[in-house]
Each structure stands twice: as structure tokens, then as C-alpha cells.
Amino acid sequence: MKKTVMCSLLAIALLGMGGCSSMSTRDRNTAIGAGVGALGGAVLTNGSALGTIGGAAVGGIIGNQVNTKKR
């Protein structure tokens, strides 16, 4: 990727993380799971939109169900 595109994506990601400060732990895990799932889906399907959306959906569900309580 070109340097300007990478810098733009980094700036968007950093600004997006600032909005997560007031989220609950479960909401934050859902958002992180969706992001990781979307990235994984895009990589596994060579950038297919359907794969990216499917990965985001599955990752969001998994992130939502992660148990964050300390034992």
C-alpha cells in the first residue's frame, strides 16, 4: 500500500479508538472481535466483501460472548 493510504488508515483507527473510552467491557470486546474478524475474513477471502462482512459478524459474536470476569 502507498504510504499516504497507510497513514490515513492509521489516523482513522486512532480516532476510532478514542470513541471506545465510554464503552462497557462487553461492547469493547464486541467491537474488537468484529474488527479482527473483518480483517481475518478479508485476508482469507482475498478481499471479498462477503468474506469481510461474514468475518466481522462472526468475530463480533465471539467477542460479545468472551467471559471477562476475573476468577
Protein backbone atom coordinates (compact mmCIF):
# COMPACT_ATOMS: atom_id res chain seq x y z
CA MET A 1 0.00 0.00 0.00
CA LYS A 2 1.06 3.54 -0.51
CA LYS A 3 2.37 5.47 2.45
CA THR A 4 -0.47 8.04 2.37
CA VAL A 5 -3.14 5.32 2.43
CA MET A 6 -1.48 3.61 5.38
CA CYS A 7 -1.20 6.90 7.27
CA SER A 8 -4.87 7.63 6.62
CA LEU A 9 -5.92 4.19 7.87
CA LEU A 10 -3.80 4.63 10.98
CA ALA A 11 -5.35 8.03 11.68
CA ILE A 12 -8.86 6.63 11.29
CA ALA A 13 -8.05 3.73 13.61
CA LEU A 14 -6.63 6.03 16.29
CA LEU A 15 -9.62 8.37 16.13
CA GLY A 16 -11.97 5.40 16.28
CA MET A 17 -10.30 4.07 19.41
CA GLY A 18 -10.95 7.34 21.18
CA GLY A 19 -14.67 6.66 20.92
CA CYS A 20 -14.29 3.40 22.85
CA SER A 21 -13.43 5.03 26.17
CA SER A 22 -17.00 5.09 27.47
CA MET A 23 -17.92 1.61 26.22
CA SER A 24 -18.54 -1.29 28.56
CA THR A 25 -16.08 -4.18 28.51
CA ARG A 26 -18.55 -6.36 26.62
CA ASP A 27 -19.13 -3.64 23.99
CA ARG A 28 -15.39 -3.12 23.59
CA ASN A 29 -14.83 -6.88 23.16
CA THR A 30 -17.59 -6.98 20.54
CA ALA A 31 -16.01 -4.12 18.59
CA ILE A 32 -12.53 -5.64 18.79
CA GLY A 33 -13.87 -9.04 17.74
CA ALA A 34 -15.67 -7.53 14.79
CA GLY A 35 -12.53 -5.70 13.68
CA VAL A 36 -10.31 -8.75 13.98
CA GLY A 37 -12.94 -10.90 12.28
CA ALA A 38 -13.28 -8.46 9.40
CA LEU A 39 -9.53 -8.40 8.91
CA GLY A 40 -9.33 -12.20 9.06
CA GLY A 41 -12.26 -12.59 6.67
CA ALA A 42 -10.70 -10.17 4.21
CA VAL A 43 -7.35 -11.95 4.32
CA LEU A 44 -8.84 -15.43 3.98
CA THR A 45 -11.10 -14.49 1.06
CA ASN A 46 -8.66 -12.25 -0.82
CA GLY A 47 -10.56 -9.06 0.00
CA SER A 48 -14.06 -10.33 -0.79
CA ALA A 49 -16.74 -8.04 0.64
CA LEU A 50 -18.84 -11.04 1.68
CA GLY A 51 -15.89 -12.62 3.47
CA THR A 52 -15.10 -9.37 5.25
CA ILE A 53 -18.69 -8.88 6.41
CA GLY A 54 -19.00 -12.52 7.42
CA GLY A 55 -15.76 -12.35 9.38
CA ALA A 56 -16.91 -9.19 11.14
CA ALA A 57 -20.22 -10.81 12.09
CA VAL A 58 -18.61 -13.97 13.45
CA GLY A 59 -15.87 -12.02 15.24
CA GLY A 60 -18.42 -9.69 16.80
CA ILE A 61 -20.45 -12.59 18.13
CA ILE A 62 -17.37 -14.29 19.56
CA GLY A 63 -16.14 -11.02 21.11
CA ASN A 64 -19.54 -10.46 22.68
CA GLN A 65 -19.53 -13.88 24.30
CA VAL A 66 -16.00 -13.73 25.73
CA ASN A 67 -16.12 -14.03 29.50
CA THR A 68 -14.20 -11.13 31.01
CA LYS A 69 -14.89 -11.81 34.69
CA LYS A 70 -11.80 -12.49 36.76
CA ARG A 71 -11.92 -15.71 38.74
